[in-house]
């Protein structure tokens, strides 16, 4: 018997934060970002702004592995 999404979310939110973070990461990895989708004007402007900051060296890029490692250490 499958569980309704609302019930599943309710149960997942009861898990410890480390397990919720793990599930969130796996869910994001499962999304298909190859499908066509429309960006809003606001998101297009945000992407352009961030790219300009990167090109000008105004921000430090951090590899995802480092971000997740630090997050997992802080969570427990």
N, C-alpha and C. Protein backbone atom coordinates (compact mmCIF):
# COMPACT_ATOMS: atom_id res chain seq x y z
N UNK A 1 0.86 -1.18 0.00
CA UNK A 1 0.00 0.00 0.00
C UNK A 1 0.90 1.24 0.00
N UNK A 2 0.62 2.18 -0.90
CA UNK A 2 1.46 3.38 -0.96
C UNK A 2 0.88 4.47 -0.08
N UNK A 3 1.77 5.31 0.39
CA UNK A 3 1.41 6.38 1.31
C UNK A 3 1.13 7.66 0.52
N UNK A 4 0.18 8.45 0.98
CA UNK A 4 -0.10 9.74 0.35
C UNK A 4 1.07 10.68 0.61
N UNK A 5 1.38 11.56 -0.35
CA UNK A 5 2.52 12.47 -0.17
C UNK A 5 2.44 13.29 1.11
N UNK A 6 1.26 13.74 1.47
CA UNK A 6 1.11 14.56 2.69
C UNK A 6 1.53 13.77 3.92
N UNK A 7 1.12 12.50 3.98
CA UNK A 7 1.48 11.66 5.12
C UNK A 7 2.97 11.36 5.12
N UNK A 8 3.52 11.14 3.95
CA UNK A 8 4.95 10.88 3.83
C UNK A 8 5.76 12.07 4.33
N UNK A 9 5.37 13.27 3.93
CA UNK A 9 6.06 14.48 4.38
C UNK A 9 5.96 14.61 5.89
N UNK A 10 4.79 14.36 6.44
CA UNK A 10 4.59 14.46 7.89
C UNK A 10 5.54 13.52 8.62
N UNK A 11 5.69 12.30 8.12
CA UNK A 11 6.58 11.34 8.76
C UNK A 11 8.06 11.70 8.56
N UNK A 12 8.40 12.17 7.37
CA UNK A 12 9.79 12.55 7.11
C UNK A 12 10.22 13.70 8.02
N UNK A 13 9.32 14.64 8.27
CA UNK A 13 9.66 15.78 9.12
C UNK A 13 9.93 15.38 10.56
N UNK A 14 9.57 14.16 10.93
CA UNK A 14 9.84 13.66 12.27
C UNK A 14 11.24 13.04 12.39
N UNK A 15 11.90 12.84 11.25
CA UNK A 15 13.24 12.25 11.25
C UNK A 15 14.27 13.24 11.77
N UNK A 16 15.40 12.73 12.26
CA UNK A 16 16.50 13.62 12.66
C UNK A 16 16.98 14.43 11.45
N UNK A 17 17.55 15.58 11.71
CA UNK A 17 17.94 16.50 10.66
C UNK A 17 18.93 15.88 9.67
N UNK A 18 19.84 15.03 10.15
CA UNK A 18 20.81 14.41 9.24
C UNK A 18 20.10 13.53 8.22
N UNK A 19 19.10 12.78 8.66
CA UNK A 19 18.37 11.91 7.75
C UNK A 19 17.52 12.73 6.78
N UNK A 20 16.94 13.83 7.25
CA UNK A 20 16.16 14.70 6.36
C UNK A 20 17.07 15.32 5.30
N UNK A 21 18.28 15.75 5.71
CA UNK A 21 19.23 16.33 4.75
C UNK A 21 19.62 15.30 3.70
N UNK A 22 19.86 14.07 4.13
CA UNK A 22 20.21 13.00 3.20
C UNK A 22 19.08 12.78 2.19
N UNK A 23 17.84 12.70 2.68
CA UNK A 23 16.69 12.51 1.79
C UNK A 23 16.52 13.68 0.83
N UNK A 24 16.71 14.90 1.33
CA UNK A 24 16.58 16.08 0.47
C UNK A 24 17.61 16.03 -0.65
N UNK A 25 18.83 15.66 -0.31
CA UNK A 25 19.88 15.57 -1.33
C UNK A 25 19.52 14.52 -2.38
N UNK A 26 19.04 13.36 -1.95
CA UNK A 26 18.69 12.29 -2.89
C UNK A 26 17.50 12.70 -3.76
N UNK A 27 16.53 13.40 -3.19
CA UNK A 27 15.38 13.86 -3.98
C UNK A 27 15.83 14.86 -5.05
N UNK A 28 16.69 15.79 -4.68
CA UNK A 28 17.19 16.76 -5.66
C UNK A 28 17.97 16.07 -6.77
N UNK A 29 18.77 15.08 -6.41
CA UNK A 29 19.53 14.34 -7.42
C UNK A 29 18.62 13.61 -8.39
N UNK A 30 17.41 13.26 -7.93
CA UNK A 30 16.50 12.48 -8.77
C UNK A 30 15.73 13.32 -9.78
N UNK A 31 15.79 14.64 -9.66
CA UNK A 31 15.03 15.50 -10.56
C UNK A 31 15.66 15.54 -11.95
N UNK A 32 14.83 15.62 -12.95
CA UNK A 32 15.29 15.66 -14.34
C UNK A 32 15.36 17.12 -14.77
N UNK A 33 16.57 17.67 -14.76
CA UNK A 33 16.74 19.08 -15.12
C UNK A 33 16.94 19.26 -16.62
N UNK A 34 16.77 18.19 -17.38
CA UNK A 34 16.93 18.30 -18.83
C UNK A 34 15.64 18.72 -19.51
N UNK A 35 14.53 18.69 -18.78
CA UNK A 35 13.25 19.09 -19.37
C UNK A 35 13.25 20.59 -19.62
N UNK A 36 12.57 20.99 -20.68
CA UNK A 36 12.44 22.41 -20.97
C UNK A 36 11.58 23.09 -19.92
N UNK A 37 12.00 24.25 -19.49
CA UNK A 37 11.21 25.05 -18.58
C UNK A 37 11.52 26.52 -18.81
N UNK A 38 10.59 27.36 -18.44
CA UNK A 38 10.74 28.79 -18.65
C UNK A 38 11.23 29.47 -17.37
N UNK A 39 12.26 30.27 -17.51
CA UNK A 39 12.74 31.08 -16.39
C UNK A 39 11.94 32.37 -16.33
N UNK A 40 11.66 32.80 -15.12
CA UNK A 40 11.02 34.10 -14.97
C UNK A 40 12.07 35.19 -15.21
N UNK A 41 11.61 36.39 -15.44
CA UNK A 41 12.52 37.52 -15.65
C UNK A 41 13.41 37.70 -14.42
N UNK A 42 12.83 37.54 -13.23
CA UNK A 42 13.59 37.72 -11.99
C UNK A 42 14.72 36.70 -11.88
N UNK A 43 14.43 35.43 -12.20
CA UNK A 43 15.47 34.41 -12.13
C UNK A 43 16.54 34.65 -13.19
N UNK A 44 16.16 35.07 -14.36
CA UNK A 44 17.14 35.37 -15.41
C UNK A 44 18.09 36.47 -14.96
N UNK A 45 17.53 37.50 -14.32
CA UNK A 45 18.35 38.61 -13.82
C UNK A 45 19.26 38.15 -12.69
N UNK A 46 18.75 37.28 -11.82
CA UNK A 46 19.55 36.75 -10.72
C UNK A 46 20.72 35.92 -11.25
N UNK A 47 20.46 35.09 -12.23
CA UNK A 47 21.51 34.27 -12.83
C UNK A 47 22.57 35.16 -13.48
N UNK A 48 22.13 36.18 -14.19
CA UNK A 48 23.07 37.10 -14.84
C UNK A 48 23.92 37.80 -13.79
N UNK A 49 23.30 38.27 -12.70
CA UNK A 49 24.03 38.96 -11.64
C UNK A 49 25.08 38.04 -11.03
N UNK A 50 24.69 36.81 -10.73
CA UNK A 50 25.63 35.87 -10.12
C UNK A 50 26.78 35.53 -11.06
N UNK A 51 26.49 35.36 -12.33
CA UNK A 51 27.56 35.08 -13.31
C UNK A 51 28.54 36.25 -13.39
N UNK A 52 28.02 37.46 -13.36
CA UNK A 52 28.88 38.64 -13.40
C UNK A 52 29.77 38.69 -12.16
N UNK A 53 29.22 38.36 -10.99
CA UNK A 53 30.01 38.34 -9.76
C UNK A 53 31.14 37.31 -9.86
N UNK A 54 30.83 36.17 -10.45
CA UNK A 54 31.85 35.12 -10.63
C UNK A 54 32.93 35.62 -11.58
N UNK A 55 32.51 36.17 -12.72
CA UNK A 55 33.46 36.64 -13.73
C UNK A 55 34.38 37.73 -13.19
N UNK A 56 33.87 38.58 -12.30
CA UNK A 56 34.65 39.68 -11.73
C UNK A 56 35.47 39.24 -10.52
N UNK A 57 35.30 37.99 -10.10
CA UNK A 57 36.05 37.50 -8.94
C UNK A 57 35.55 38.04 -7.62
N UNK A 58 34.29 38.45 -7.57
CA UNK A 58 33.73 39.03 -6.35
C UNK A 58 33.25 37.98 -5.36
N UNK A 59 33.11 36.75 -5.82
CA UNK A 59 32.62 35.69 -4.94
C UNK A 59 33.56 34.49 -5.01
N UNK A 60 33.57 33.72 -3.95
CA UNK A 60 34.39 32.51 -3.91
C UNK A 60 33.49 31.31 -4.21
N UNK A 61 33.86 30.53 -5.20
CA UNK A 61 33.11 29.33 -5.53
C UNK A 61 33.57 28.19 -4.63
N UNK A 62 32.60 27.46 -4.09
CA UNK A 62 32.90 26.35 -3.20
C UNK A 62 32.33 25.08 -3.81
N UNK A 63 33.16 24.04 -3.99
CA UNK A 63 32.66 22.79 -4.57
C UNK A 63 31.52 22.21 -3.72
N UNK A 64 30.53 21.63 -4.38
CA UNK A 64 29.37 21.07 -3.68
C UNK A 64 29.79 20.05 -2.63
N UNK A 65 30.80 19.23 -2.95
CA UNK A 65 31.24 18.22 -1.99
C UNK A 65 31.67 18.86 -0.68
N UNK A 66 32.36 20.00 -0.77
CA UNK A 66 32.82 20.71 0.42
C UNK A 66 31.64 21.27 1.20
N UNK A 67 30.66 21.79 0.49
CA UNK A 67 29.47 22.36 1.14
C UNK A 67 28.72 21.27 1.90
N UNK A 68 28.49 20.13 1.24
CA UNK A 68 27.76 19.04 1.89
C UNK A 68 28.55 18.47 3.06
N UNK A 69 29.86 18.34 2.91
CA UNK A 69 30.69 17.82 4.00
C UNK A 69 30.59 18.72 5.22
N UNK A 70 30.69 20.02 5.01
CA UNK A 70 30.60 20.97 6.12
C UNK A 70 29.21 20.92 6.75
N UNK A 71 28.17 20.84 5.92
CA UNK A 71 26.80 20.78 6.44
C UNK A 71 26.59 19.54 7.29
N UNK A 72 27.06 18.39 6.80
CA UNK A 72 26.89 17.15 7.56
C UNK A 72 27.64 17.20 8.88
N UNK A 73 28.84 17.80 8.89
CA UNK A 73 29.60 17.93 10.14
C UNK A 73 28.85 18.82 11.13
N UNK A 74 28.27 19.91 10.64
CA UNK A 74 27.55 20.82 11.53
C UNK A 74 26.26 20.21 12.06
N UNK A 75 25.67 19.32 11.27
CA UNK A 75 24.41 18.71 11.68
C UNK A 75 24.61 17.55 12.65
N UNK A 76 25.78 17.06 12.74
CA UNK A 76 25.90 16.03 13.73
C UNK A 76 26.93 15.03 13.51
